[in-house]
């Protein structure tokens, strides 16, 4: 009976101890699973953060690239516009010079005509009527133009 009492005491003491050990073991296993899950989530978050950072870097590079392209296009447009404006100013200056040259030629022709008529009148010794005056001017201008 002593043996039965020993088994009874053993079961009586071992049963609760065994349950406590199992409960603790289950808690430890649950803690390990929770830690593993936390590590897995941490790895996922780190991956997500790395992906987000890479996307941000890519977007930043694209923005910078676009800004450079826009600045280059704007600079080229400014150069082109400046070139066109300079060409317009040069063309206007040439046109003004040509107009001034023509005006000076016309003025010189008019003065030359007046001198020719005055000289012809002195040589001929008489005044020249309108018809003769016009003919002499045309002849003088034709001779001057032919020399140019």
Protein backbone atom coordinates (compact mmCIF):
# COMPACT_ATOMS: atom_id res chain seq x y z
CA UNK A 1 0.00 0.00 0.00
CA UNK A 2 2.84 2.12 0.46
CA UNK A 3 3.51 1.74 -3.16
CA UNK A 4 -0.03 2.81 -3.92
CA UNK A 5 0.34 5.73 -1.63
CA UNK A 6 3.59 6.67 -3.35
CA UNK A 7 1.96 6.50 -6.79
CA UNK A 8 -0.99 8.48 -5.50
CA UNK A 9 1.29 11.13 -4.01
CA UNK A 10 3.35 11.13 -7.14
CA UNK A 11 0.32 11.61 -9.34
CA UNK A 12 -1.18 14.06 -6.98
CA UNK A 13 2.00 16.19 -6.89
CA UNK A 14 3.15 15.41 -10.41
CA UNK A 15 -0.19 16.15 -12.06
CA UNK A 16 -0.33 19.82 -11.04
CA UNK A 17 3.40 20.27 -11.60
CA UNK A 18 3.09 18.64 -14.97
CA UNK A 19 0.19 20.95 -15.90
CA UNK A 20 2.17 24.02 -14.77
CA UNK A 21 5.15 22.83 -16.82
CA UNK A 22 2.91 22.31 -19.86
CA UNK A 23 1.30 25.71 -19.41
CA UNK A 24 4.68 27.35 -19.14
CA UNK A 25 5.90 25.45 -22.15
CA UNK A 26 2.84 26.61 -24.10
CA UNK A 27 3.45 30.21 -23.00
CA UNK A 28 7.08 29.95 -24.06
CA UNK A 29 6.06 28.50 -27.45
CA UNK A 30 3.47 31.28 -27.87
CA UNK A 31 6.14 33.87 -26.99
CA UNK A 32 8.53 32.35 -29.52
CA UNK A 33 5.83 32.36 -32.20
CA UNK A 34 4.97 35.98 -31.32
CA UNK A 35 8.66 36.94 -31.51
CA UNK A 36 9.01 35.15 -34.86
CA UNK A 37 5.87 36.92 -36.12
CA UNK A 38 7.24 40.27 -34.88
CA UNK A 39 10.54 39.58 -36.67
CA UNK A 40 8.66 38.66 -39.86
CA UNK A 41 6.58 41.86 -39.66
CA UNK A 42 9.73 43.88 -38.95
CA UNK A 43 11.38 42.39 -42.04
CA UNK A 44 8.27 43.23 -44.09
CA UNK A 45 8.24 46.79 -42.77
CA UNK A 46 11.96 47.16 -43.48
CA UNK A 47 11.42 45.89 -47.01
CA UNK A 48 8.50 48.27 -47.46
CA UNK A 49 10.56 51.19 -46.12
CA UNK A 50 13.44 50.31 -48.48
CA UNK A 51 11.03 50.10 -51.43
CA UNK A 52 9.41 53.41 -50.48
CA UNK A 53 12.82 55.08 -50.16
CA UNK A 54 13.86 53.74 -53.57
CA UNK A 55 10.62 55.02 -55.10
CA UNK A 56 11.24 58.42 -53.51
CA UNK A 57 14.80 58.46 -54.87
CA UNK A 58 13.56 57.48 -58.32
CA UNK A 59 10.92 60.21 -58.25
CA UNK A 60 13.50 62.73 -57.08
CA UNK A 61 15.82 61.74 -59.95
CA UNK A 62 12.93 62.09 -62.39
CA UNK A 63 12.02 65.52 -61.02
CA UNK A 64 15.63 66.65 -61.26
CA UNK A 65 15.95 65.23 -64.75
CA UNK A 66 12.74 66.95 -65.85
CA UNK A 67 13.91 70.22 -64.28
CA UNK A 68 17.23 69.98 -66.14
CA UNK A 69 15.46 69.22 -69.40
CA UNK A 70 13.04 72.11 -68.91
CA UNK A 71 15.89 74.47 -68.03
CA UNK A 72 17.85 73.36 -71.10
CA UNK A 73 14.78 73.81 -73.31
CA UNK A 74 14.11 77.22 -71.82
CA UNK A 75 17.75 78.26 -72.30
CA UNK A 76 17.65 77.07 -75.92
CA UNK A 77 14.39 78.96 -76.50
CA UNK A 78 15.97 82.09 -74.99
CA UNK A 79 19.05 81.70 -77.22
CA UNK A 80 16.86 81.15 -80.25
CA UNK A 81 14.66 84.14 -79.44
CA UNK A 82 17.76 86.31 -78.85
CA UNK A 83 19.22 85.14 -82.17
CA UNK A 84 15.97 85.99 -83.97
CA UNK A 85 15.80 89.41 -82.30
CA UNK A 86 19.43 90.11 -83.22
CA UNK A 87 18.80 89.04 -86.81
CA UNK A 88 15.72 91.28 -86.91
CA UNK A 89 17.73 94.21 -85.60
CA UNK A 90 20.52 93.57 -88.12
CA UNK A 91 17.98 93.35 -90.95
CA UNK A 92 16.31 96.58 -89.78
CA UNK A 93 19.70 98.28 -89.61
CA UNK A 94 20.51 97.09 -93.16
CA UNK A 95 17.13 98.31 -94.34
CA UNK A 96 17.68 101.68 -92.64
CA UNK A 97 21.14 101.95 -94.18
CA UNK A 98 19.76 101.10 -97.64
CA UNK A 99 16.97 103.66 -97.24
CA UNK A 100 19.47 106.30 -96.11
CA UNK A 101 21.76 105.39 -99.03
CA UNK A 102 18.87 105.75 -101.50
CA UNK A 103 17.88 109.06 -99.94
CA UNK A 104 21.47 110.30 -100.19
CA UNK A 105 21.69 109.18 -103.84
CA UNK A 106 18.42 110.93 -104.67
CA UNK A 107 19.60 114.08 -102.93
CA UNK A 108 22.94 113.95 -104.76
CA UNK A 109 21.14 113.45 -108.07
CA UNK A 110 18.86 116.39 -107.37
CA UNK A 111 21.84 118.61 -106.51
CA UNK A 112 23.74 117.36 -109.56
CA UNK A 113 20.74 118.06 -111.77
CA UNK A 114 20.47 121.57 -110.43
CA UNK A 115 24.18 122.14 -111.04
CA UNK A 116 23.99 120.71 -114.56
CA UNK A 117 21.03 122.91 -115.43
CA UNK A 118 22.72 125.96 -113.97
CA UNK A 119 25.93 125.19 -115.85
CA UNK A 120 24.03 124.47 -119.08
CA UNK A 121 22.11 127.72 -118.74
CA UNK A 122 25.35 129.64 -118.32
CA UNK A 123 26.94 127.88 -121.28
CA UNK A 124 23.92 128.37 -123.50
CA UNK A 125 23.35 131.84 -122.19
CA UNK A 126 19.63 131.55 -121.94
CA UNK A 127 17.03 130.20 -119.62
CA UNK A 128 15.80 126.76 -120.22
CA UNK A 129 12.10 126.08 -120.46
CA UNK A 130 10.38 123.29 -118.51
CA UNK A 131 10.52 120.76 -121.35
CA UNK A 132 14.24 121.22 -122.00
CA UNK A 133 14.88 121.29 -118.25
CA UNK A 134 13.20 117.91 -117.78
CA UNK A 135 15.06 116.37 -120.73
CA UNK A 136 18.43 117.59 -119.44
CA UNK A 137 17.73 116.20 -115.97
CA UNK A 138 16.80 112.81 -117.39
CA UNK A 139 19.92 112.70 -119.56
CA UNK A 140 22.15 113.72 -116.65
CA UNK A 141 20.61 111.12 -114.36
CA UNK A 142 20.98 108.43 -117.02
CA UNK A 143 24.68 109.28 -117.36
CA UNK A 144 25.22 109.26 -113.56
CA UNK A 145 23.34 105.96 -113.20
CA UNK A 146 25.30 104.39 -116.02
CA UNK A 147 28.60 105.22 -114.20
CA UNK A 148 27.47 103.48 -111.00
